[in-house]
Amino acid sequence: MAKYKFVGFQEHVEIPEGFEKLEVSAEIDCGVLDPFTLVSQPSELSKWFYAIDALDAKPSGVVIFRNSEYSGICISADLGKELTLVSDLFGEFKATVKGQVLTINFRILTDSSNTKRKEFESMINSLKELVK
């Protein structure tokens, strides 16, 4: 059987020299706060994530960051349950809600993993402080 190649898909992704995959995750109990609001509303996201002017929380929706040349895209959204954003600023950000527990995951290909890890961990800590 022939092996088909589809546009946009690769069988093997080659990581450039000096770069590595970085993944940082956390589970946060949001108590009485609405977990999905914390990840889908620009005003709430801006309290702990990057400063965001606009977020269209639907597939192909645009993310506009305040005072930045970066932008982003919402690649998937299941309102109230899950949201995935992609940007050069942070790679992939995925948030999943189960009850009052919010699971967040950052994934990025970077050549400065220590800096990015500290940045993501700082955001996670800010979110934890926000829900206390």
Foldseek 3Di string as FASTA:
>chain_A
DDDDDDPPDDPDDDADPLKDKDKDKDKAQLPPDQQLCCPQPQVNVVQQHARWDDFDQAAQTKTHGPPDPKIKGWHHHDPSAKTWIAIPVFGIWIWGDDPRMIMIMTIDIDNCRVVNVVSVVRSVVSVNVVSD
